[in-house]
Amino acid sequence: MDQVSFTSPRLGKQGRFLRVITLSDKHTERIFGSQIPAMKLNYFPDTDSLYIDLSHRPSVESQEVSEDVVLDYDGEGNLVGIDIDHASRKLDLRELVTNHIPLEAKT
């Protein structure tokens, strides 16, 4: 299967950034486009599971929020991934639809 990646023209080369504000310590940080980890969708057909990877940070805690859906958190309590078991029974995996996300496809 071909791999397709999507990038946002709004973050990256134009010098745009994402502002991250941590309310607990009132810390503000600018993360430039090249530092923001890409969201990755990984499907594993042998186990029929879909893992949505939201961060490069490792998971240290998991919580099942509904049947076959597990949220993974890092050591600071940030959501880093979503694991969906029996994904083909819950989702149509043949098509990825995005709304209002500025993406460009790269193959």
C-alpha atoms as a PDB file:
ATOM      1  CA  MET A   1       0.000   0.000   0.000  1.00  0.00           C
ATOM      2  CA  ASP A   2       1.242   3.508  -0.832  1.00  0.00           C
ATOM      3  CA  GLN A   3       1.898   5.891   2.011  1.00  0.00           C
ATOM      4  CA  VAL A   4       0.302   9.312   1.768  1.00  0.00           C
ATOM      5  CA  SER A   5       1.178  12.129   4.122  1.00  0.00           C
ATOM      6  CA  PHE A   6      -0.686  15.384   4.568  1.00  0.00           C
ATOM      7  CA  THR A   7       0.876  18.664   5.584  1.00  0.00           C
ATOM      8  CA  SER A   8      -0.542  22.031   6.451  1.00  0.00           C
ATOM      9  CA  PRO A   9       0.731  24.974   4.433  1.00  0.00           C
ATOM     10  CA  ARG A  10      -0.179  27.211   7.382  1.00  0.00           C
ATOM     11  CA  LEU A  11       2.399  25.707   9.740  1.00  0.00           C
ATOM     12  CA  GLY A  12       5.829  25.011   8.406  1.00  0.00           C
ATOM     13  CA  LYS A  13       7.731  26.986   5.879  1.00  0.00           C
ATOM     14  CA  GLN A  14       5.942  30.302   6.292  1.00  0.00           C
ATOM     15  CA  GLY A  15       7.226  30.596   9.881  1.00  0.00           C
ATOM     16  CA  ARG A  16       3.819  30.183  11.473  1.00  0.00           C
ATOM     17  CA  PHE A  17       3.598  28.621  14.900  1.00  0.00           C
ATOM     18  CA  LEU A  18       1.240  26.987  17.367  1.00  0.00           C
ATOM     19  CA  ARG A  19       0.935  28.662  20.748  1.00  0.00           C
ATOM     20  CA  VAL A  20       0.716  26.229  23.662  1.00  0.00           C
ATOM     21  CA  ILE A  21      -0.543  27.552  26.982  1.00  0.00           C
ATOM     22  CA  THR A  22      -0.353  25.394  30.090  1.00  0.00           C
ATOM     23  CA  LEU A  23      -2.978  26.680  32.505  1.00  0.00           C
ATOM     24  CA  SER A  24      -1.524  24.993  35.586  1.00  0.00           C
ATOM     25  CA  ASP A  25       1.678  27.048  35.507  1.00  0.00           C
ATOM     26  CA  LYS A  26       0.560  29.853  33.156  1.00  0.00           C
ATOM     27  CA  HIS A  27       3.454  28.979  30.862  1.00  0.00           C
ATOM     28  CA  THR A  28       3.255  30.021  27.218  1.00  0.00           C
ATOM     29  CA  GLU A  29       5.389  28.339  24.600  1.00  0.00           C
ATOM     30  CA  ARG A  30       5.675  28.750  20.851  1.00  0.00           C
ATOM     31  CA  ILE A  31       6.133  25.567  18.901  1.00  0.00           C
ATOM     32  CA  PHE A  32       7.208  26.145  15.330  1.00  0.00           C
ATOM     33  CA  GLY A  33       5.749  23.991  12.555  1.00  0.00           C
ATOM     34  CA  SER A  34       8.778  21.738  12.246  1.00  0.00           C
ATOM     35  CA  GLN A  35       8.599  20.914  15.986  1.00  0.00           C
ATOM     36  CA  ILE A  36       4.941  19.877  16.039  1.00  0.00           C
ATOM     37  CA  PRO A  37       4.667  16.085  15.754  1.00  0.00           C
ATOM     38  CA  ALA A  38       2.491  14.844  12.916  1.00  0.00           C
ATOM     39  CA  MET A  39      -0.657  12.925  13.754  1.00  0.00           C
ATOM     40  CA  LYS A  40      -0.269   9.411  12.415  1.00  0.00           C
ATOM     41  CA  LEU A  41      -2.992   6.903  11.632  1.00  0.00           C
ATOM     42  CA  ASN A  42      -1.674   3.340  11.795  1.00  0.00           C
ATOM     43  CA  TYR A  43      -3.887   0.407  10.849  1.00  0.00           C
ATOM     44  CA  PHE A  44      -2.809  -3.110  11.765  1.00  0.00           C
ATOM     45  CA  PRO A  45      -4.856  -5.607   9.684  1.00  0.00           C
ATOM     46  CA  ASP A  46      -3.583  -8.664  11.585  1.00  0.00           C
ATOM     47  CA  THR A  47      -5.259  -7.375  14.769  1.00  0.00           C
ATOM     48  CA  ASP A  48      -7.875  -5.127  13.082  1.00  0.00           C
ATOM     49  CA  SER A  49      -6.779  -2.204  15.222  1.00  0.00           C
ATOM     50  CA  LEU A  50      -6.344   1.461  14.395  1.00  0.00           C
ATOM     51  CA  TYR A  51      -3.864   3.487  16.418  1.00  0.00           C
ATOM     52  CA  ILE A  52      -4.019   7.269  16.200  1.00  0.00           C
ATOM     53  CA  ASP A  53      -0.614   8.521  17.278  1.00  0.00           C
ATOM     54  CA  LEU A  54      -0.851  12.111  18.522  1.00  0.00           C
ATOM     55  CA  SER A  55       2.608  12.623  19.974  1.00  0.00           C
ATOM     56  CA  HIS A  56       6.181  11.367  19.945  1.00  0.00           C
ATOM     57  CA  ARG A  57       6.027  11.030  23.763  1.00  0.00           C
ATOM     58  CA  PRO A  58       5.687   7.486  25.154  1.00  0.00           C
ATOM     59  CA  SER A  59       2.495   6.268  26.766  1.00  0.00           C
ATOM     60  CA  VAL A  60       2.712   5.506  30.488  1.00  0.00           C
ATOM     61  CA  GLU A  61      -0.980   5.153  31.309  1.00  0.00           C
ATOM     62  CA  SER A  62      -4.006   3.854  29.419  1.00  0.00           C
ATOM     63  CA  GLN A  63      -7.722   4.183  30.058  1.00  0.00           C
ATOM     64  CA  GLU A  64     -10.487   2.263  28.301  1.00  0.00           C
ATOM     65  CA  VAL A  65     -13.224   4.832  27.673  1.00  0.00           C
ATOM     66  CA  SER A  66     -15.637   2.543  25.850  1.00  0.00           C
ATOM     67  CA  GLU A  67     -15.613  -1.009  24.571  1.00  0.00           C
ATOM     68  CA  ASP A  68     -12.452  -1.510  22.476  1.00  0.00           C
ATOM     69  CA  VAL A  69     -11.403   2.174  22.650  1.00  0.00           C
ATOM     70  CA  VAL A  70      -8.360   3.000  24.779  1.00  0.00           C
ATOM     71  CA  LEU A  71      -6.797   6.410  25.382  1.00  0.00           C
ATOM     72  CA  ASP A  72      -3.037   6.547  26.052  1.00  0.00           C
ATOM     73  CA  TYR A  73      -1.476   9.286  28.208  1.00  0.00           C
ATOM     74  CA  ASP A  74       2.106  10.415  28.809  1.00  0.00           C
ATOM     75  CA  GLY A  75       3.676  10.975  32.229  1.00  0.00           C
ATOM     76  CA  GLU A  76       2.210  14.494  32.425  1.00  0.00           C
ATOM     77  CA  GLY A  77      -1.348  13.343  31.688  1.00  0.00           C
ATOM     78  CA  ASN A  78      -1.376  14.515  28.059  1.00  0.00           C
ATOM     79  CA  LEU A  79      -3.246  12.424  25.507  1.00  0.00           C
ATOM     80  CA  VAL A  80      -0.674  10.803  23.193  1.00  0.00           C
ATOM     81  CA  GLY A  81      -2.683   8.148  21.366  1.00  0.00           C
ATOM     82  CA  ILE A  82      -6.016   6.472  20.729  1.00  0.00           C
ATOM     83  CA  ASP A  83      -6.274   2.723  20.165  1.00  0.00           C
ATOM     84  CA  ILE A  84      -9.416   1.355  18.485  1.00  0.00           C
ATOM     85  CA  ASP A  85      -9.730  -2.430  18.473  1.00  0.00           C
ATOM     86  CA  HIS A  86     -11.994  -4.150  15.897  1.00  0.00           C
ATOM     87  CA  ALA A  87     -11.675  -0.942  13.885  1.00  0.00           C
ATOM     88  CA  SER A  88     -13.212  -2.287  10.674  1.00  0.00           C
ATOM     89  CA  ARG A  89     -16.425  -3.048  12.601  1.00  0.00           C
ATOM     90  CA  LYS A  90     -16.606   0.494  13.961  1.00  0.00           C
ATOM     91  CA  LEU A  91     -15.256   2.592  11.049  1.00  0.00           C
ATOM     92  CA  ASP A  92     -15.209   2.629   7.273  1.00  0.00           C
ATOM     93  CA  LEU A  93     -11.460   2.327   6.782  1.00  0.00           C
ATOM     94  CA  ARG A  94     -11.622   2.678   2.984  1.00  0.00           C
ATOM     95  CA  GLU A  95     -11.848   6.461   3.084  1.00  0.00           C
ATOM     96  CA  LEU A  96     -10.373   9.258   5.206  1.00  0.00           C
ATOM     97  CA  VAL A  97     -12.450  12.423   5.270  1.00  0.00           C
ATOM     98  CA  THR A  98     -11.221  15.665   6.831  1.00  0.00           C
ATOM     99  CA  ASN A  99     -13.207  18.838   7.428  1.00  0.00           C
ATOM    100  CA  HIS A 100     -11.738  22.328   7.711  1.00  0.00           C
ATOM    101  CA  ILE A 101      -8.176  21.028   8.095  1.00  0.00           C
ATOM    102  CA  PRO A 102      -5.730  22.778   5.747  1.00  0.00           C
ATOM    103  CA  LEU A 103      -4.015  19.719   4.273  1.00  0.00           C
ATOM    104  CA  GLU A 104      -2.060  18.968   1.136  1.00  0.00           C
ATOM    105  CA  ALA A 105      -1.578  15.337   0.073  1.00  0.00           C
ATOM    106  CA  LYS A 106       1.939  14.105  -0.642  1.00  0.00           C
ATOM    107  CA  THR A 107       2.581  10.622  -1.993  1.00  0.00           C
END
